[in-house]
PDB file of N, CA and C in Angstrom:
ATOM      1  N   MET A   1     -25.040   6.507  -8.614  1.00  0.00           N
ATOM      2  CA  MET A   1     -26.271   5.730  -8.748  1.00  0.00           C
ATOM      3  C   MET A   1     -26.042   4.628  -9.775  1.00  0.00           C
ATOM      4  N   GLN A   2     -26.638   3.489  -9.488  1.00  0.00           N
ATOM      5  CA  GLN A   2     -26.582   2.377 -10.430  1.00  0.00           C
ATOM      6  C   GLN A   2     -27.098   2.842 -11.780  1.00  0.00           C
ATOM      7  N   ASN A   3     -26.809   2.067 -12.778  1.00  0.00           N
ATOM      8  CA  ASN A   3     -27.317   2.352 -14.106  1.00  0.00           C
ATOM      9  C   ASN A   3     -28.842   2.481 -14.042  1.00  0.00           C
ATOM     10  N   ILE A   4     -29.359   3.557 -14.573  1.00  0.00           N
ATOM     11  CA  ILE A   4     -30.802   3.837 -14.516  1.00  0.00           C
ATOM     12  C   ILE A   4     -31.609   2.724 -15.185  1.00  0.00           C
ATOM     13  N   ASP A   5     -31.006   2.057 -16.179  1.00  0.00           N
ATOM     14  CA  ASP A   5     -31.707   0.962 -16.857  1.00  0.00           C
ATOM     15  C   ASP A   5     -31.983  -0.205 -15.912  1.00  0.00           C
ATOM     16  N   THR A   6     -31.109  -0.395 -14.920  1.00  0.00           N
ATOM     17  CA  THR A   6     -31.327  -1.456 -13.934  1.00  0.00           C
ATOM     18  C   THR A   6     -32.602  -1.179 -13.147  1.00  0.00           C
ATOM     19  N   TYR A   7     -32.765   0.070 -12.728  1.00  0.00           N
ATOM     20  CA  TYR A   7     -33.979   0.443 -11.992  1.00  0.00           C
ATOM     21  C   TYR A   7     -35.203   0.384 -12.901  1.00  0.00           C
ATOM     22  N   LYS A   8     -35.038   0.823 -14.132  1.00  0.00           N
ATOM     23  CA  LYS A   8     -36.165   0.796 -15.070  1.00  0.00           C
ATOM     24  C   LYS A   8     -36.624  -0.645 -15.303  1.00  0.00           C
ATOM     25  N   ASP A   9     -35.661  -1.555 -15.468  1.00  0.00           N
ATOM     26  CA  ASP A   9     -36.016  -2.967 -15.653  1.00  0.00           C
ATOM     27  C   ASP A   9     -36.761  -3.512 -14.436  1.00  0.00           C
ATOM     28  N   ALA A  10     -36.280  -3.172 -13.238  1.00  0.00           N
ATOM     29  CA  ALA A  10     -36.946  -3.621 -12.011  1.00  0.00           C
ATOM     30  C   ALA A  10     -38.364  -3.069 -11.944  1.00  0.00           C
ATOM     31  N   LEU A  11     -38.526  -1.807 -12.318  1.00  0.00           N
ATOM     32  CA  LEU A  11     -39.854  -1.185 -12.293  1.00  0.00           C
ATOM     33  C   LEU A  11     -40.779  -1.812 -13.332  1.00  0.00           C
ATOM     34  N   LEU A  12     -40.256  -2.105 -14.511  1.00  0.00           N
ATOM     35  CA  LEU A  12     -41.085  -2.736 -15.541  1.00  0.00           C
ATOM     36  C   LEU A  12     -41.512  -4.141 -15.113  1.00  0.00           C
ATOM     37  N   THR A  13     -40.632  -4.850 -14.412  1.00  0.00           N
ATOM     38  CA  THR A  13     -40.991  -6.163 -13.880  1.00  0.00           C
ATOM     39  C   THR A  13     -42.098  -6.025 -12.840  1.00  0.00           C
ATOM     40  N   LEU A  14     -41.933  -5.061 -11.929  1.00  0.00           N
ATOM     41  CA  LEU A  14     -42.980  -4.807 -10.929  1.00  0.00           C
ATOM     42  C   LEU A  14     -44.297  -4.425 -11.592  1.00  0.00           C
ATOM     43  N   LYS A  15     -44.224  -3.610 -12.629  1.00  0.00           N
ATOM     44  CA  LYS A  15     -45.435  -3.185 -13.336  1.00  0.00           C
ATOM     45  C   LYS A  15     -46.171  -4.398 -13.899  1.00  0.00           C
ATOM     46  N   ALA A  16     -45.435  -5.300 -14.520  1.00  0.00           N
ATOM     47  CA  ALA A  16     -46.052  -6.507 -15.081  1.00  0.00           C
ATOM     48  C   ALA A  16     -46.662  -7.369 -13.980  1.00  0.00           C
ATOM     49  N   GLU A  17     -45.964  -7.479 -12.844  1.00  0.00           N
ATOM     50  CA  GLU A  17     -46.493  -8.264 -11.725  1.00  0.00           C
ATOM     51  C   GLU A  17     -47.771  -7.647 -11.166  1.00  0.00           C
ATOM     52  N   TYR A  18     -47.763  -6.333 -10.971  1.00  0.00           N
ATOM     53  CA  TYR A  18     -48.968  -5.670 -10.463  1.00  0.00           C
ATOM     54  C   TYR A  18     -50.118  -5.816 -11.450  1.00  0.00           C
ATOM     55  N   GLN A  19     -49.844  -5.653 -12.752  1.00  0.00           N
ATOM     56  CA  GLN A  19     -50.913  -5.753 -13.744  1.00  0.00           C
ATOM     57  C   GLN A  19     -51.487  -7.164 -13.775  1.00  0.00           C
ATOM     58  N   ALA A  20     -50.626  -8.175 -13.683  1.00  0.00           N
ATOM     59  CA  ALA A  20     -51.102  -9.562 -13.660  1.00  0.00           C
ATOM     60  C   ALA A  20     -51.956  -9.811 -12.423  1.00  0.00           C
ATOM     61  N   ARG A  21     -51.526  -9.275 -11.296  1.00  0.00           N
ATOM     62  CA  ARG A  21     -52.289  -9.423 -10.050  1.00  0.00           C
ATOM     63  C   ARG A  21     -53.650  -8.741 -10.182  1.00  0.00           C
ATOM     64  N   ILE A  22     -53.667  -7.542 -10.739  1.00  0.00           N
ATOM     65  CA  ILE A  22     -54.921  -6.803 -10.931  1.00  0.00           C
ATOM     66  C   ILE A  22     -55.862  -7.588 -11.836  1.00  0.00           C
ATOM     67  N   ASP A  23     -55.328  -8.102 -12.937  1.00  0.00           N
ATOM     68  CA  ASP A  23     -56.155  -8.862 -13.876  1.00  0.00           C
ATOM     69  C   ASP A  23     -56.751 -10.106 -13.216  1.00  0.00           C
ATOM     70  N   LYS A  24     -55.925 -10.823 -12.451  1.00  0.00           N
ATOM     71  CA  LYS A  24     -56.390 -12.057 -11.810  1.00  0.00           C
ATOM     72  C   LYS A  24     -57.451 -11.767 -10.750  1.00  0.00           C
ATOM     73  N   ILE A  25     -57.195 -10.770  -9.915  1.00  0.00           N
ATOM     74  CA  ILE A  25     -58.161 -10.439  -8.859  1.00  0.00           C
ATOM     75  C   ILE A  25     -59.455  -9.914  -9.471  1.00  0.00           C
ATOM     76  N   SER A  26     -59.344  -9.070 -10.488  1.00  0.00           N
ATOM     77  CA  SER A  26     -60.538  -8.533 -11.156  1.00  0.00           C
ATOM     78  C   SER A  26     -61.376  -9.661 -11.742  1.00  0.00           C
ATOM     79  N   ASP A  27     -60.703 -10.660 -12.316  1.00  0.00           N
ATOM     80  CA  ASP A  27     -61.416 -11.802 -12.875  1.00  0.00           C
ATOM     81  C   ASP A  27     -62.139 -12.581 -11.779  1.00  0.00           C
ATOM     82  N   HIS A  28     -61.475 -12.763 -10.638  1.00  0.00           N
ATOM     83  CA  HIS A  28     -62.119 -13.472  -9.519  1.00  0.00           C
ATOM     84  C   HIS A  28     -63.321 -12.695  -8.989  1.00  0.00           C
ATOM     85  N   ILE A  29     -63.218 -11.372  -8.971  1.00  0.00           N
ATOM     86  CA  ILE A  29     -64.340 -10.556  -8.497  1.00  0.00           C
ATOM     87  C   ILE A  29     -65.494 -10.600  -9.496  1.00  0.00           C
ATOM     88  N   ALA A  30     -65.167 -10.510 -10.784  1.00  0.00           N
ATOM     89  CA  ALA A  30     -66.204 -10.490 -11.816  1.00  0.00           C
ATOM     90  C   ALA A  30     -66.855 -11.857 -12.018  1.00  0.00           C
ATOM     91  N   HIS A  31     -66.099 -12.913 -11.789  1.00  0.00           N
ATOM     92  CA  HIS A  31     -66.603 -14.272 -12.022  1.00  0.00           C
ATOM     93  C   HIS A  31     -66.326 -15.154 -10.809  1.00  0.00           C
ATOM     94  N   PRO A  32     -66.964 -14.865  -9.698  1.00  0.00           N
ATOM     95  CA  PRO A  32     -66.708 -15.685  -8.502  1.00  0.00           C
ATOM     96  C   PRO A  32     -67.144 -17.126  -8.735  1.00  0.00           C
ATOM     97  N   GLN A  33     -66.311 -18.035  -8.290  1.00  0.00           N
ATOM     98  CA  GLN A  33     -66.612 -19.456  -8.468  1.00  0.00           C
ATOM     99  C   GLN A  33     -67.446 -19.998  -7.323  1.00  0.00           C
ATOM    100  N   ASP A  34     -67.695 -19.149  -6.338  1.00  0.00           N
ATOM    101  CA  ASP A  34     -68.424 -19.628  -5.168  1.00  0.00           C
ATOM    102  C   ASP A  34     -69.823 -19.004  -5.066  1.00  0.00           C
ATOM    103  N   GLN A  35     -70.425 -18.633  -6.197  1.00  0.00           N
ATOM    104  CA  GLN A  35     -71.751 -18.022  -6.179  1.00  0.00           C
ATOM    105  C   GLN A  35     -72.845 -19.009  -5.796  1.00  0.00           C
ATOM    106  N   MET A  36     -72.596 -20.275  -5.929  1.00  0.00           N
ATOM    107  CA  MET A  36     -73.639 -21.270  -5.718  1.00  0.00           C
ATOM    108  C   MET A  36     -73.707 -21.748  -4.269  1.00  0.00           C
ATOM    109  N   GLN A  37     -73.136 -21.013  -3.349  1.00  0.00           N
ATOM    110  CA  GLN A  37     -73.149 -21.422  -1.941  1.00  0.00           C
ATOM    111  C   GLN A  37     -74.595 -21.506  -1.442  1.00  0.00           C
ATOM    112  N   GLN A  38     -74.894 -22.580  -0.723  1.00  0.00           N
ATOM    113  CA  GLN A  38     -76.256 -22.816  -0.270  1.00  0.00           C
ATOM    114  C   GLN A  38     -76.505 -22.367   1.168  1.00  0.00           C
ATOM    115  N   HIS A  39     -75.499 -22.400   1.990  1.00  0.00           N
ATOM    116  CA  HIS A  39     -75.687 -22.142   3.408  1.00  0.00           C
ATOM    117  C   HIS A  39     -75.265 -20.723   3.769  1.00  0.00           C
ATOM    118  N   TRP A  40     -75.923 -20.182   4.790  1.00  0.00           N
ATOM    119  CA  TRP A  40     -75.616 -18.821   5.234  1.00  0.00           C
ATOM    120  C   TRP A  40     -74.154 -18.680   5.642  1.00  0.00           C
ATOM    121  N   ASP A  41     -73.652 -19.690   6.338  1.00  0.00           N
ATOM    122  CA  ASP A  41     -72.252 -19.642   6.763  1.00  0.00           C
ATOM    123  C   ASP A  41     -71.328 -19.548   5.555  1.00  0.00           C
ATOM    124  N   ASP A  42     -71.640 -20.321   4.532  1.00  0.00           N
ATOM    125  CA  ASP A  42     -70.831 -20.292   3.318  1.00  0.00           C
ATOM    126  C   ASP A  42     -70.925 -18.934   2.632  1.00  0.00           C
ATOM    127  N   GLN A  43     -72.102 -18.322   2.672  1.00  0.00           N
ATOM    128  CA  GLN A  43     -72.267 -17.002   2.061  1.00  0.00           C
ATOM    129  C   GLN A  43     -71.471 -15.951   2.822  1.00  0.00           C
ATOM    130  N   ALA A  44     -71.407 -16.090   4.138  1.00  0.00           N
ATOM    131  CA  ALA A  44     -70.623 -15.149   4.943  1.00  0.00           C
ATOM    132  C   ALA A  44     -69.140 -15.267   4.605  1.00  0.00           C
ATOM    133  N   VAL A  45     -68.671 -16.490   4.435  1.00  0.00           N
ATOM    134  CA  VAL A  45     -67.269 -16.705   4.056  1.00  0.00           C
ATOM    135  C   VAL A  45     -67.015 -16.119   2.671  1.00  0.00           C
ATOM    136  N   ALA A  46     -67.948 -16.324   1.750  1.00  0.00           N
ATOM    137  CA  ALA A  46     -67.795 -15.792   0.396  1.00  0.00           C
ATOM    138  C   ALA A  46     -67.758 -14.267   0.416  1.00  0.00           C
ATOM    139  N   ALA A  47     -68.609 -13.646   1.229  1.00  0.00           N
ATOM    140  CA  ALA A  47     -68.618 -12.182   1.328  1.00  0.00           C
ATOM    141  C   ALA A  47     -67.297 -11.680   1.895  1.00  0.00           C
ATOM    142  N   SER A  48     -66.783 -12.374   2.891  1.00  0.00           N
ATOM    143  CA  SER A  48     -65.493 -12.008   3.481  1.00  0.00           C
ATOM    144  C   SER A  48     -64.376 -12.142   2.449  1.00  0.00           C
ATOM    145  N   ARG A  49     -64.427 -13.197   1.672  1.00  0.00           N
ATOM    146  CA  ARG A  49     -63.436 -13.426   0.622  1.00  0.00           C
ATOM    147  C   ARG A  49     -63.507 -12.320  -0.430  1.00  0.00           C
ATOM    148  N   ASP A  50     -64.719 -11.902  -0.782  1.00  0.00           N
ATOM    149  CA  ASP A  50     -64.881 -10.819  -1.757  1.00  0.00           C
ATOM    150  C   ASP A  50     -64.281  -9.517  -1.237  1.00  0.00           C
ATOM    151  N   GLU A  51     -64.501  -9.235   0.044  1.00  0.00           N
ATOM    152  CA  GLU A  51     -63.930  -8.017   0.641  1.00  0.00           C
ATOM    153  C   GLU A  51     -62.405  -8.071   0.626  1.00  0.00           C
ATOM    154  N   MET A  52     -61.856  -9.247   0.907  1.00  0.00           N
ATOM    155  CA  MET A  52     -60.406  -9.406   0.884  1.00  0.00           C
ATOM    156  C   MET A  52     -59.877  -9.196  -0.533  1.00  0.00           C
ATOM    157  N   ARG A  53     -60.570  -9.737  -1.514  1.00  0.00           N
ATOM    158  CA  ARG A  53     -60.153  -9.558  -2.912  1.00  0.00           C
ATOM    159  C   ARG A  53     -60.183  -8.084  -3.300  1.00  0.00           C
ATOM    160  N   LYS A  54     -61.212  -7.378  -2.871  1.00  0.00           N
ATOM    161  CA  LYS A  54     -61.301  -5.949  -3.189  1.00  0.00           C
ATOM    162  C   LYS A  54     -60.160  -5.174  -2.542  1.00  0.00           C
ATOM    163  N   ALA A  55     -59.806  -5.527  -1.307  1.00  0.00           N
ATOM    164  CA  ALA A  55     -58.688  -4.861  -0.624  1.00  0.00           C
ATOM    165  C   ALA A  55     -57.373  -5.150  -1.342  1.00  0.00           C
ATOM    166  N   LEU A  56     -57.185  -6.391  -1.776  1.00  0.00           N
ATOM    167  CA  LEU A  56     -55.972  -6.745  -2.515  1.00  0.00           C
ATOM    168  C   LEU A  56     -55.918  -6.030  -3.859  1.00  0.00           C
ATOM    169  N   LEU A  57     -57.071  -5.867  -4.486  1.00  0.00           N
ATOM    170  CA  LEU A  57     -57.135  -5.148  -5.755  1.00  0.00           C
ATOM    171  C   LEU A  57     -56.726  -3.692  -5.569  1.00  0.00           C
ATOM    172  N   ILE A  58     -57.243  -3.056  -4.543  1.00  0.00           N
ATOM    173  CA  ILE A  58     -56.893  -1.658  -4.262  1.00  0.00           C
ATOM    174  C   ILE A  58     -55.394  -1.531  -4.006  1.00  0.00           C
ATOM    175  N   GLU A  59     -54.842  -2.461  -3.242  1.00  0.00           N
ATOM    176  CA  GLU A  59     -53.406  -2.438  -2.945  1.00  0.00           C
ATOM    177  C   GLU A  59     -52.575  -2.581  -4.223  1.00  0.00           C
ATOM    178  N   ALA A  60     -52.955  -3.493  -5.100  1.00  0.00           N
ATOM    179  CA  ALA A  60     -52.227  -3.698  -6.353  1.00  0.00           C
ATOM    180  C   ALA A  60     -52.357  -2.482  -7.268  1.00  0.00           C
ATOM    181  N   GLU A  61     -53.544  -1.897  -7.323  1.00  0.00           N
ATOM    182  CA  GLU A  61     -53.736  -0.697  -8.148  1.00  0.00           C
ATOM    183  C   GLU A  61     -52.880   0.457  -7.648  1.00  0.00           C
ATOM    184  N   GLN A  62     -52.775   0.604  -6.326  1.00  0.00           N
ATOM    185  CA  GLN A  62     -51.941   1.670  -5.760  1.00  0.00           C
ATOM    186  C   GLN A  62     -50.468   1.412  -6.069  1.00  0.00           C
ATOM    187  N   GLY A  63     -50.051   0.162  -5.978  1.00  0.00           N
ATOM    188  CA  GLY A  63     -48.676  -0.184  -6.333  1.00  0.00           C
ATOM    189  C   GLY A  63     -48.373   0.160  -7.773  1.00  0.00           C
ATOM    190  N   LEU A  64     -49.319  -0.105  -8.652  1.00  0.00           N
ATOM    191  CA  LEU A  64     -49.143   0.220 -10.067  1.00  0.00           C
ATOM    192  C   LEU A  64     -49.030   1.728 -10.274  1.00  0.00           C
ATOM    193  N   VAL A  65     -49.790   2.501  -9.526  1.00  0.00           N
ATOM    194  CA  VAL A  65     -49.697   3.968  -9.599  1.00  0.00           C
ATOM    195  C   VAL A  65     -48.290   4.416  -9.212  1.00  0.00           C
ATOM    196  N   TYR A  66     -47.756   3.860  -8.122  1.00  0.00           N
ATOM    197  CA  TYR A  66     -46.397   4.215  -7.674  1.00  0.00           C
ATOM    198  C   TYR A  66     -45.355   3.859  -8.731  1.00  0.00           C
ATOM    199  N   VAL A  67     -45.479   2.676  -9.311  1.00  0.00           N
ATOM    200  CA  VAL A  67     -44.520   2.227 -10.319  1.00  0.00           C
ATOM    201  C   VAL A  67     -44.593   3.116 -11.557  1.00  0.00           C
ATOM    202  N   ASN A  68     -45.798   3.412 -12.019  1.00  0.00           N
ATOM    203  CA  ASN A  68     -45.936   4.280 -13.195  1.00  0.00           C
ATOM    204  C   ASN A  68     -45.374   5.672 -12.932  1.00  0.00           C
ATOM    205  N   ALA A  69     -45.557   6.174 -11.719  1.00  0.00           N
ATOM    206  CA  ALA A  69     -45.000   7.485 -11.368  1.00  0.00           C
ATOM    207  C   ALA A  69     -43.475   7.437 -11.394  1.00  0.00           C
ATOM    208  N   ALA A  70     -42.892   6.347 -10.903  1.00  0.00           N
ATOM    209  CA  ALA A  70     -41.430   6.207 -10.921  1.00  0.00           C
ATOM    210  C   ALA A  70     -40.917   6.121 -12.356  1.00  0.00           C
ATOM    211  N   LEU A  71     -41.617   5.388 -13.207  1.00  0.00           N
ATOM    212  CA  LEU A  71     -41.220   5.312 -14.617  1.00  0.00           C
ATOM    213  C   LEU A  71     -41.305   6.686 -15.280  1.00  0.00           C
ATOM    214  N   ARG A  72     -42.311   7.449 -14.916  1.00  0.00           N
ATOM    215  CA  ARG A  72     -42.448   8.813 -15.444  1.00  0.00           C
ATOM    216  C   ARG A  72     -41.277   9.685 -14.971  1.00  0.00           C
ATOM    217  N   ARG A  73     -40.873   9.518 -13.696  1.00  0.00           N
ATOM    218  CA  ARG A  73     -39.726  10.283 -13.186  1.00  0.00           C
ATOM    219  C   ARG A  73     -38.445   9.911 -13.928  1.00  0.00           C
ATOM    220  N   ILE A  74     -38.307   8.642 -14.314  1.00  0.00           N
ATOM    221  CA  ILE A  74     -37.144   8.236 -15.109  1.00  0.00           C
ATOM    222  C   ILE A  74     -37.157   8.979 -16.435  1.00  0.00           C
ATOM    223  N   GLU A  75     -38.300   8.976 -17.103  1.00  0.00           N
ATOM    224  CA  GLU A  75     -38.411   9.642 -18.407  1.00  0.00           C
ATOM    225  C   GLU A  75     -38.147  11.142 -18.304  1.00  0.00           C
ATOM    226  N   GLU A  76     -38.512  11.731 -17.182  1.00  0.00           N
ATOM    227  CA  GLU A  76     -38.334  13.173 -16.984  1.00  0.00           C
ATOM    228  C   GLU A  76     -36.967  13.521 -16.397  1.00  0.00           C
ATOM    229  N   GLY A  77     -36.147  12.493 -16.127  1.00  0.00           N
ATOM    230  CA  GLY A  77     -34.814  12.727 -15.587  1.00  0.00           C
ATOM    231  C   GLY A  77     -34.796  13.096 -14.117  1.00  0.00           C
ATOM    232  N   GLU A  78     -35.859  12.772 -13.394  1.00  0.00           N
ATOM    233  CA  GLU A  78     -35.970  13.136 -11.981  1.00  0.00           C
ATOM    234  C   GLU A  78     -35.895  11.935 -11.047  1.00  0.00           C
ATOM    235  N   TYR A  79     -35.710  10.748 -11.596  1.00  0.00           N
ATOM    236  CA  TYR A  79     -35.696   9.535 -10.778  1.00  0.00           C
ATOM    237  C   TYR A  79     -34.504   9.556  -9.831  1.00  0.00           C
ATOM    238  N   GLY A  80     -34.737   9.111  -8.602  1.00  0.00           N
ATOM    239  CA  GLY A  80     -33.669   9.023  -7.621  1.00  0.00           C
ATOM    240  C   GLY A  80     -33.477  10.285  -6.811  1.00  0.00           C
ATOM    241  N   THR A  81     -34.327  11.272  -7.052  1.00  0.00           N
ATOM    242  CA  THR A  81     -34.283  12.529  -6.311  1.00  0.00           C
ATOM    243  C   THR A  81     -35.557  12.646  -5.487  1.00  0.00           C
ATOM    244  N   CYS A  82     -35.410  12.960  -4.218  1.00  0.00           N
ATOM    245  CA  CYS A  82     -36.556  13.108  -3.323  1.00  0.00           C
ATOM    246  C   CYS A  82     -37.435  14.263  -3.802  1.00  0.00           C
ATOM    247  N   ILE A  83     -38.726  14.013  -3.950  1.00  0.00           N
ATOM    248  CA  ILE A  83     -39.627  15.067  -4.425  1.00  0.00           C
ATOM    249  C   ILE A  83     -39.941  16.087  -3.338  1.00  0.00           C
ATOM    250  N   GLU A  84     -39.550  15.776  -2.106  1.00  0.00           N
ATOM    251  CA  GLU A  84     -39.788  16.703  -0.996  1.00  0.00           C
ATOM    252  C   GLU A  84     -38.631  17.683  -0.825  1.00  0.00           C
ATOM    253  N   CYS A  85     -37.392  17.157  -0.796  1.00  0.00           N
ATOM    254  CA  CYS A  85     -36.242  18.015  -0.482  1.00  0.00           C
ATOM    255  C   CYS A  85     -35.270  18.192  -1.643  1.00  0.00           C
ATOM    256  N   GLY A  86     -35.400  17.382  -2.692  1.00  0.00           N
ATOM    257  CA  GLY A  86     -34.517  17.503  -3.842  1.00  0.00           C
ATOM    258  C   GLY A  86     -33.181  16.798  -3.693  1.00  0.00           C
ATOM    259  N   GLU A  87     -32.952  16.153  -2.545  1.00  0.00           N
ATOM    260  CA  GLU A  87     -31.699  15.420  -2.329  1.00  0.00           C
ATOM    261  C   GLU A  87     -31.776  14.054  -3.012  1.00  0.00           C
ATOM    262  N   LEU A  88     -30.598  13.490  -3.306  1.00  0.00           N
ATOM    263  CA  LEU A  88     -30.561  12.157  -3.893  1.00  0.00           C
ATOM    264  C   LEU A  88     -31.044  11.126  -2.882  1.00  0.00           C
ATOM    265  N   ILE A  89     -31.797  10.164  -3.366  1.00  0.00           N
ATOM    266  CA  ILE A  89     -32.284   9.072  -2.532  1.00  0.00           C
ATOM    267  C   ILE A  89     -31.173   8.030  -2.447  1.00  0.00           C
ATOM    268  N   ASN A  90     -30.925   7.529  -1.243  1.00  0.00           N
ATOM    269  CA  ASN A  90     -29.892   6.526  -1.017  1.00  0.00           C
ATOM    270  C   ASN A  90     -30.122   5.321  -1.920  1.00  0.00           C
ATOM    271  N   GLU A  91     -29.019   4.820  -2.506  1.00  0.00           N
ATOM    272  CA  GLU A  91     -29.142   3.710  -3.436  1.00  0.00           C
ATOM    273  C   GLU A  91     -29.709   2.445  -2.804  1.00  0.00           C
ATOM    274  N   ASN A  92     -29.375   2.197  -1.549  1.00  0.00           N
ATOM    275  CA  ASN A  92     -29.937   1.023  -0.870  1.00  0.00           C
ATOM    276  C   ASN A  92     -31.448   1.140  -0.760  1.00  0.00           C
ATOM    277  N   ARG A  93     -31.938   2.340  -0.553  1.00  0.00           N
ATOM    278  CA  ARG A  93     -33.388   2.562  -0.492  1.00  0.00           C
ATOM    279  C   ARG A  93     -34.013   2.303  -1.859  1.00  0.00           C
ATOM    280  N   LEU A  94     -33.375   2.803  -2.913  1.00  0.00           N
ATOM    281  CA  LEU A  94     -33.900   2.582  -4.261  1.00  0.00           C
ATOM    282  C   LEU A  94     -33.894   1.098  -4.632  1.00  0.00           C
ATOM    283  N   LYS A  95     -32.872   0.381  -4.186  1.00  0.00           N
ATOM    284  CA  LYS A  95     -32.831  -1.061  -4.461  1.00  0.00           C
ATOM    285  C   LYS A  95     -33.975  -1.774  -3.748  1.00  0.00           C
ATOM    286  N   ALA A  96     -34.258  -1.357  -2.522  1.00  0.00           N
ATOM    287  CA  ALA A  96     -35.315  -1.995  -1.732  1.00  0.00           C
ATOM    288  C   ALA A  96     -36.706  -1.586  -2.193  1.00  0.00           C
ATOM    289  N   VAL A  97     -36.860  -0.306  -2.537  1.00  0.00           N
ATOM    290  CA  VAL A  97     -38.166   0.243  -2.932  1.00  0.00           C
ATOM    291  C   VAL A  97     -37.950   1.088  -4.191  1.00  0.00           C
ATOM    292  N   PRO A  98     -37.833   0.440  -5.351  1.00  0.00           N
ATOM    293  CA  PRO A  98     -37.451   1.176  -6.558  1.00  0.00           C
ATOM    294  C   PRO A  98     -38.448   2.239  -7.010  1.00  0.00           C
ATOM    295  N   TYR A  99     -39.676   2.180  -6.519  1.00  0.00           N
ATOM    296  CA  TYR A  99     -40.680   3.165  -6.920  1.00  0.00           C
ATOM    297  C   TYR A  99     -40.767   4.344  -5.957  1.00  0.00           C
ATOM    298  N   THR A 100     -39.913   4.380  -4.944  1.00  0.00           N
ATOM    299  CA  THR A 100     -40.009   5.452  -3.956  1.00  0.00           C
ATOM    300  C   THR A 100     -39.737   6.818  -4.576  1.00  0.00           C
ATOM    301  N   ALA A 101     -40.432   7.806  -4.073  1.00  0.00           N
ATOM    302  CA  ALA A 101     -40.235   9.189  -4.513  1.00  0.00           C
ATOM    303  C   ALA A 101     -39.604  10.019  -3.403  1.00  0.00           C
ATOM    304  N   TYR A 102     -39.333   9.385  -2.265  1.00  0.00           N
ATOM    305  CA  TYR A 102     -38.857  10.116  -1.090  1.00  0.00           C
ATOM    306  C   TYR A 102     -37.585   9.500  -0.528  1.00  0.00           C
ATOM    307  N   CYS A 103     -36.719  10.366  -0.012  1.00  0.00           N
ATOM    308  CA  CYS A 103     -35.577   9.892   0.756  1.00  0.00           C
ATOM    309  C   CYS A 103     -36.122   9.319   2.064  1.00  0.00           C
ATOM    310  N   ILE A 104     -35.269   8.627   2.797  1.00  0.00           N
ATOM    311  CA  ILE A 104     -35.735   7.971   4.027  1.00  0.00           C
ATOM    312  C   ILE A 104     -36.277   8.984   5.032  1.00  0.00           C
ATOM    313  N   GLU A 105     -35.665  10.154   5.083  1.00  0.00           N
ATOM    314  CA  GLU A 105     -36.109  11.174   6.038  1.00  0.00           C
ATOM    315  C   GLU A 105     -37.530  11.648   5.749  1.00  0.00           C
ATOM    316  N   HIS A 106     -37.865  11.811   4.490  1.00  0.00           N
ATOM    317  CA  HIS A 106     -39.183  12.341   4.133  1.00  0.00           C
ATOM    318  C   HIS A 106     -40.225  11.256   3.864  1.00  0.00           C
ATOM    319  N   ALA A 107     -39.811  10.006   3.948  1.00  0.00           N
ATOM    320  CA  ALA A 107     -40.766   8.909   3.764  1.00  0.00           C
ATOM    321  C   ALA A 107     -41.570   8.658   5.022  1.00  0.00           C
ATOM    322  N   ARG A 108     -41.134   9.227   6.122  1.00  0.00           N
ATOM    323  CA  ARG A 108     -41.789   8.964   7.412  1.00  0.00           C
ATOM    324  C   ARG A 108     -42.974   9.836   7.634  1.00  0.00           C
TER     325      ARG A 108
END
């Protein structure tokens, strides 16, 4: 397996990206710039945009959960091992999805 610090650095970068995304989307939800829409059509578009922002927020929050779990597995010495079967996760898989907890067989 590659140096564990390489994976940790990648995960910390992902964590910062997810947190920045969460902060930005949360700010847009809390302070929408399109509250002054006058027409019904515009309000429908704004409502649709709000729903999309909420979906993106949920996705980013879930990504952050995965990344934090992977960082915890690093600290516990369990990173790179499938939590289902206990086998080592292929390095190419870890490079592609550094927060994965499953080997390719058990990810399906």
